[in-house]
Amino acid sequence: MIKKALFPAAGYGTRFLPATKSVPKEMLPIVNKPLIHYGIKECMNAGIFEIGFVTGRSKRAIEDYLDKTPEIENAIKGTNKEKLLEEVNEMIDKCVFTYVRQKEMLGLGHAVLTGEPLIGNNPFAVVLADDLCDGDVLNQMVRLYKKFKCTIIAIEEVKKEEVNKYGVINGKEIERDIFLVEDMIEKPEIDKAPSNLAIIGRYILTPDIFDLLRNTKPGKGGEIQLTDALLKQAKEGMVIAYKFKGKRFDCGSVDGFIEATNYFYEKMKNGK
């Protein structure tokens, strides 16, 4: 039922300067695979093979990564290095990738709205590649969508002193780890946060989100906030927040990036 995914990937990645001066943040490697690779693999494991990217200037490396490289493949043909390209070549063969540019950096909500031509009138997943997850989170959310037929957002508990870094929800727990959203605030002050349940970079959105975003005024930071549109959706209909099973790394921060690198290196070393 969920066949399409959208990757907002137009940001500057300023926390990783100077590397991101010429390398897209989404292409920074966790061991030997870029962040975008892990997100696409998660989509495929959830049965999603139509993947759109909202990009910007200096992001062509993403398109190059998701294309065949005959020169490299010929150079390693017949060696034990051939297997290193098997997974990315599987992505290229099985997925359809499309791209649109976000001309101005006006927030996540604006990025999602920019991707509308790639999605059309379909429910779709949104993946923020710098939220790196281990545990097939999208697959869990797709199963929930089949049950509730509404927008699903992934959440996790964070330390109270960190709530000002996230969109935060408040809601009624209707099943174990499943909440009916009643309120959400983008990066609230610590003493005004309704809970410590933070939204992370995995969403399944119904297509009415586009009209809601079109009518959403700029919010915090002068940006069009996806959380503002989601709150309207929750008030007018239903939005479910899901405390997912798995491990998530904030690879938008240097600390989280190093933690993820060490974690996935150990997995690779142990053959997992």
Protein backbone atom coordinates (compact mmCIF):
# COMPACT_ATOMS: atom_id res chain seq x y z
CA MET A 1 0.00 0.00 0.00
CA ILE A 2 2.93 2.34 0.64
CA LYS A 3 4.88 2.30 -2.60
CA LYS A 4 6.64 5.67 -2.53
CA ALA A 5 9.18 7.34 -0.25
CA LEU A 6 10.58 10.85 -0.14
CA PHE A 7 14.05 11.80 1.10
CA PRO A 8 14.43 15.51 1.91
CA ALA A 9 18.13 16.02 1.18
CA ALA A 10 18.66 19.68 0.37
CA GLY A 11 20.15 20.87 3.67
CA TYR A 12 23.66 22.25 4.00
CA GLY A 13 24.89 19.93 6.76
CA THR A 14 26.73 22.79 8.45
CA ARG A 15 27.55 20.78 11.57
CA PHE A 16 29.92 18.73 9.43
CA LEU A 17 31.81 21.55 7.76
CA PRO A 18 34.28 21.62 6.12
CA ALA A 19 33.51 18.08 4.83
CA THR A 20 30.01 19.06 3.71
CA LYS A 21 31.35 22.00 1.72
CA SER A 22 31.62 19.58 -1.21
CA VAL A 23 30.18 16.27 0.05
CA PRO A 24 26.42 16.02 0.75
CA LYS A 25 25.68 15.18 4.38
CA GLU A 26 23.62 12.23 3.15
CA MET A 27 26.74 10.81 1.47
CA LEU A 28 28.91 10.77 4.60
CA PRO A 29 29.95 7.15 5.17
CA ILE A 30 29.01 4.99 8.13
CA VAL A 31 31.85 2.47 7.75
CA ASN A 32 31.74 1.80 3.98
CA LYS A 33 28.20 2.88 3.08
CA PRO A 34 26.79 6.41 2.93
CA LEU A 35 23.87 7.40 5.12
CA ILE A 36 21.52 7.43 2.14
CA HIS A 37 22.30 3.74 1.49
CA TYR A 38 20.94 2.67 4.88
CA GLY A 39 17.74 4.66 4.38
CA ILE A 40 17.11 3.17 0.94
CA LYS A 41 17.72 -0.33 2.25
CA GLU A 42 15.16 0.33 4.99
CA CYS A 43 12.64 1.38 2.32
CA MET A 44 13.25 -1.76 0.29
CA ASN A 45 12.80 -3.95 3.36
CA ALA A 46 9.39 -2.27 3.79
CA GLY A 47 8.40 -3.00 0.18
CA ILE A 48 9.01 0.56 -1.05
CA PHE A 49 10.84 0.84 -4.37
CA GLU A 50 9.78 4.25 -5.78
CA ILE A 51 12.06 6.75 -4.10
CA GLY A 52 12.16 10.50 -4.63
CA PHE A 53 14.80 12.96 -3.46
CA VAL A 54 14.37 16.64 -2.72
CA THR A 55 17.87 17.95 -3.36
CA GLY A 56 19.72 21.22 -3.77
CA ARG A 57 22.94 22.55 -5.21
CA SER A 58 26.06 20.40 -4.70
CA LYS A 59 23.99 17.23 -4.21
CA ARG A 60 24.80 15.48 -7.49
CA ALA A 61 26.86 12.87 -5.65
CA ILE A 62 23.56 11.27 -4.57
CA GLU A 63 22.50 10.76 -8.19
CA ASP A 64 25.97 9.47 -9.10
CA TYR A 65 25.90 6.96 -6.24
CA LEU A 66 22.57 5.59 -7.44
CA ASP A 67 23.82 5.00 -10.98
CA LYS A 68 25.92 2.29 -12.60
CA THR A 69 29.72 2.78 -12.71
CA PRO A 70 31.07 0.60 -15.55
CA GLU A 71 34.65 1.82 -15.07
CA ILE A 72 34.79 0.67 -11.45
CA GLU A 73 32.87 -2.54 -12.15
CA ASN A 74 35.26 -3.45 -14.97
CA ALA A 75 38.28 -2.65 -12.81
CA ILE A 76 37.21 -5.04 -10.03
CA LYS A 77 35.63 -7.70 -12.23
CA GLY A 78 36.75 -11.17 -11.22
CA THR A 79 38.13 -10.04 -7.86
CA ASN A 80 36.74 -10.45 -4.36
CA LYS A 81 35.82 -6.75 -4.40
CA GLU A 82 32.89 -7.38 -6.77
CA LYS A 83 30.67 -8.30 -3.83
CA LEU A 84 31.20 -4.83 -2.33
CA LEU A 85 28.94 -3.35 -5.02
CA GLU A 86 26.27 -6.04 -4.91
CA GLU A 87 23.94 -4.23 -2.51
CA VAL A 88 24.04 -0.84 -4.22
CA ASN A 89 23.62 -2.46 -7.63
CA GLU A 90 20.57 -4.28 -6.28
CA MET A 91 19.14 -0.89 -5.29
CA ILE A 92 19.81 0.51 -8.75
CA ASP A 93 18.19 -2.49 -10.43
CA LYS A 94 15.10 -2.74 -8.22
CA CYS A 95 14.28 0.90 -7.37
CA VAL A 96 13.12 3.88 -9.41
CA PHE A 97 14.81 7.11 -8.30
CA THR A 98 13.46 10.58 -9.10
CA TYR A 99 14.73 14.02 -8.14
CA VAL A 100 13.48 17.56 -7.67
CA ARG A 101 15.36 20.59 -6.37
CA GLN A 102 14.33 22.71 -3.42
CA LYS A 103 15.26 26.21 -4.57
CA GLU A 104 15.08 27.78 -1.10
CA MET A 105 15.79 26.27 2.31
CA LEU A 106 12.45 27.03 3.98
CA GLY A 107 12.13 24.09 6.36
CA LEU A 108 11.16 20.44 6.35
CA GLY A 109 7.53 21.22 5.57
CA HIS A 110 8.56 23.16 2.48
CA ALA A 111 10.88 20.32 1.43
CA VAL A 112 8.04 17.80 1.65
CA LEU A 113 5.75 20.12 -0.31
CA THR A 114 8.47 20.50 -2.97
CA GLY A 115 8.38 16.74 -3.39
CA GLU A 116 4.67 16.66 -4.25
CA PRO A 117 5.23 16.15 -8.02
CA LEU A 118 7.20 12.98 -7.22
CA ILE A 119 4.46 11.59 -4.96
CA GLY A 120 1.13 12.59 -6.44
CA ASN A 121 -2.06 11.57 -4.65
CA ASN A 122 -0.53 8.67 -2.78
CA PRO A 123 0.31 7.89 0.83
CA PHE A 124 4.09 7.93 1.19
CA ALA A 125 6.99 7.52 3.58
CA VAL A 126 9.40 10.29 4.49
CA VAL A 127 12.92 9.34 5.52
CA LEU A 128 15.48 11.72 7.00
CA ALA A 129 18.75 9.96 6.22
CA ASP A 130 20.65 11.50 9.12
CA ASP A 131 18.32 9.69 11.52
CA LEU A 132 19.94 6.30 11.01
CA CYS A 133 17.83 3.41 12.30
CA ASP A 134 18.64 -0.22 12.90
CA GLY A 135 15.52 -2.34 13.19
CA ASP A 136 13.45 -1.88 10.00
CA VAL A 137 11.42 0.96 11.50
CA LEU A 138 9.59 1.71 8.23
CA ASN A 139 8.44 -1.88 7.97
CA GLN A 140 6.87 -1.60 11.42
CA MET A 141 5.16 1.64 10.40
CA VAL A 142 3.82 0.23 7.13
CA ARG A 143 2.09 -2.51 9.11
CA LEU A 144 0.53 0.15 11.35
CA TYR A 145 -0.65 2.13 8.33
CA LYS A 146 -2.49 -0.93 7.04
CA LYS A 147 -4.39 -0.99 10.32
CA PHE A 148 -5.09 2.72 10.93
CA LYS A 149 -5.04 4.19 7.37
CA CYS A 150 -3.75 7.54 8.65
CA THR A 151 -0.52 9.47 9.09
CA ILE A 152 2.00 7.62 11.27
CA ILE A 153 4.98 9.35 12.91
CA ALA A 154 7.87 7.61 14.66
CA ILE A 155 8.73 8.74 18.17
CA GLU A 156 11.18 7.85 20.91
CA GLU A 157 11.72 8.94 24.47
CA VAL A 158 14.55 11.44 24.88
CA LYS A 159 16.12 13.08 27.89
CA LYS A 160 14.00 15.95 29.19
CA GLU A 161 16.88 18.39 28.68
CA GLU A 162 17.00 17.48 24.97
CA VAL A 163 13.36 18.07 24.03
CA ASN A 164 14.21 21.51 22.62
CA LYS A 165 16.01 19.79 19.72
CA TYR A 166 12.91 17.96 18.46
CA GLY A 167 9.26 18.13 17.58
CA VAL A 168 7.50 16.77 20.68
CA ILE A 169 4.07 15.14 20.90
CA ASN A 170 1.44 14.68 23.55
CA GLY A 171 -1.23 12.05 23.16
CA LYS A 172 -3.32 9.25 24.51
CA GLU A 173 -1.82 5.75 24.49
CA ILE A 174 -4.43 3.62 22.74
CA GLU A 175 -2.31 0.49 22.49
CA ARG A 176 1.12 -0.42 23.79
CA ASP A 177 3.59 2.10 22.29
CA ILE A 178 0.86 3.57 20.01
CA PHE A 179 -0.45 7.08 20.75
CA LEU A 180 -3.31 9.10 19.34
CA VAL A 181 -1.71 12.52 18.87
CA GLU A 182 -3.48 15.39 20.62
CA ASP A 183 -0.74 18.04 20.50
CA MET A 184 2.73 18.58 19.08
CA ILE A 185 5.22 21.43 19.38
CA GLU A 186 8.36 22.09 17.34
CA LYS A 187 11.47 22.47 19.54
CA PRO A 188 9.68 23.61 22.69
CA GLU A 189 11.39 25.24 25.62
CA ILE A 190 12.30 22.53 28.11
CA ASP A 191 9.81 23.68 30.75
CA LYS A 192 6.99 23.94 28.17
CA ALA A 193 7.37 20.54 26.48
CA PRO A 194 4.18 18.44 26.74
CA SER A 195 6.21 15.21 27.11
CA ASN A 196 9.60 13.73 26.30
CA LEU A 197 8.24 11.82 23.27
CA ALA A 198 10.26 13.21 20.37
CA ILE A 199 9.49 12.87 16.66
CA ILE A 200 12.33 11.28 14.69
CA GLY A 201 12.94 11.17 10.96
CA ARG A 202 10.47 8.50 9.89
CA TYR A 203 6.94 9.36 8.74
CA ILE A 204 4.14 7.84 6.72
CA LEU A 205 2.01 10.70 5.43
CA THR A 206 -1.36 10.74 3.72
CA PRO A 207 -1.51 12.97 0.60
CA ASP A 208 -3.80 15.58 2.18
CA ILE A 209 -0.64 16.78 3.94
CA PHE A 210 0.25 18.73 0.78
CA ASP A 211 -2.83 21.00 0.98
CA LEU A 212 -2.21 21.47 4.69
CA LEU A 213 1.40 22.48 4.01
CA ARG A 214 0.30 24.90 1.28
CA ASN A 215 -1.83 26.69 3.88
CA THR A 216 0.73 26.54 6.71
CA LYS A 217 2.31 29.88 7.58
CA PRO A 218 6.00 30.06 8.46
CA GLY A 219 6.55 29.11 12.09
CA LYS A 220 9.61 28.74 14.29
CA GLY A 221 12.71 30.12 12.58
CA GLY A 222 10.62 31.54 9.72
CA GLU A 223 10.35 28.06 8.23
CA ILE A 224 7.33 26.02 7.15
CA GLN A 225 7.24 23.41 9.88
CA LEU A 226 5.97 19.94 9.08
CA THR A 227 4.85 19.63 12.72
CA ASP A 228 2.43 22.57 12.26
CA ALA A 229 0.74 20.80 9.33
CA LEU A 230 0.72 17.51 11.21
CA LEU A 231 -0.98 19.17 14.17
CA LYS A 232 -3.75 20.44 11.87
CA GLN A 233 -4.08 16.92 10.51
CA ALA A 234 -4.33 15.53 14.04
CA LYS A 235 -7.01 18.08 15.01
CA GLU A 236 -9.08 17.56 11.86
CA GLY A 237 -8.64 13.80 11.59
CA MET A 238 -6.19 11.36 13.13
CA VAL A 239 -2.42 11.08 13.49
CA ILE A 240 -0.78 8.13 15.20
CA ALA A 241 2.60 8.30 16.95
CA TYR A 242 4.50 5.05 17.26
CA LYS A 243 7.28 4.31 19.72
CA PHE A 244 9.26 2.08 17.40
CA LYS A 245 11.34 -0.98 18.19
CA GLY A 246 14.97 -0.63 17.24
CA LYS A 247 17.94 1.67 17.67
CA ARG A 248 18.28 5.15 16.24
CA PHE A 249 21.36 7.33 15.83
CA ASP A 250 21.32 11.10 15.37
CA CYS A 251 23.87 11.28 12.58
CA GLY A 252 23.15 14.98 12.17
CA SER A 253 25.46 15.41 15.17
CA VAL A 254 29.13 14.47 15.32
CA ASP A 255 28.65 12.43 18.50
CA GLY A 256 25.79 10.43 17.00
CA PHE A 257 27.70 9.93 13.77
CA ILE A 258 30.70 8.46 15.62
CA GLU A 259 28.42 6.30 17.78
CA ALA A 260 26.71 4.92 14.64
CA THR A 261 30.04 4.26 12.95
CA ASN A 262 31.29 2.24 15.90
CA TYR A 263 27.99 0.34 16.20
CA PHE A 264 27.78 -0.64 12.52
CA TYR A 265 31.50 -1.47 12.38
CA GLU A 266 30.99 -3.97 15.20
CA LYS A 267 27.98 -5.44 13.37
CA MET A 268 29.98 -5.78 10.17
CA LYS A 269 32.96 -7.30 12.00
CA ASN A 270 30.67 -9.87 13.64
CA GLY A 271 28.98 -10.69 10.35
CA LYS A 272 25.55 -9.39 11.37
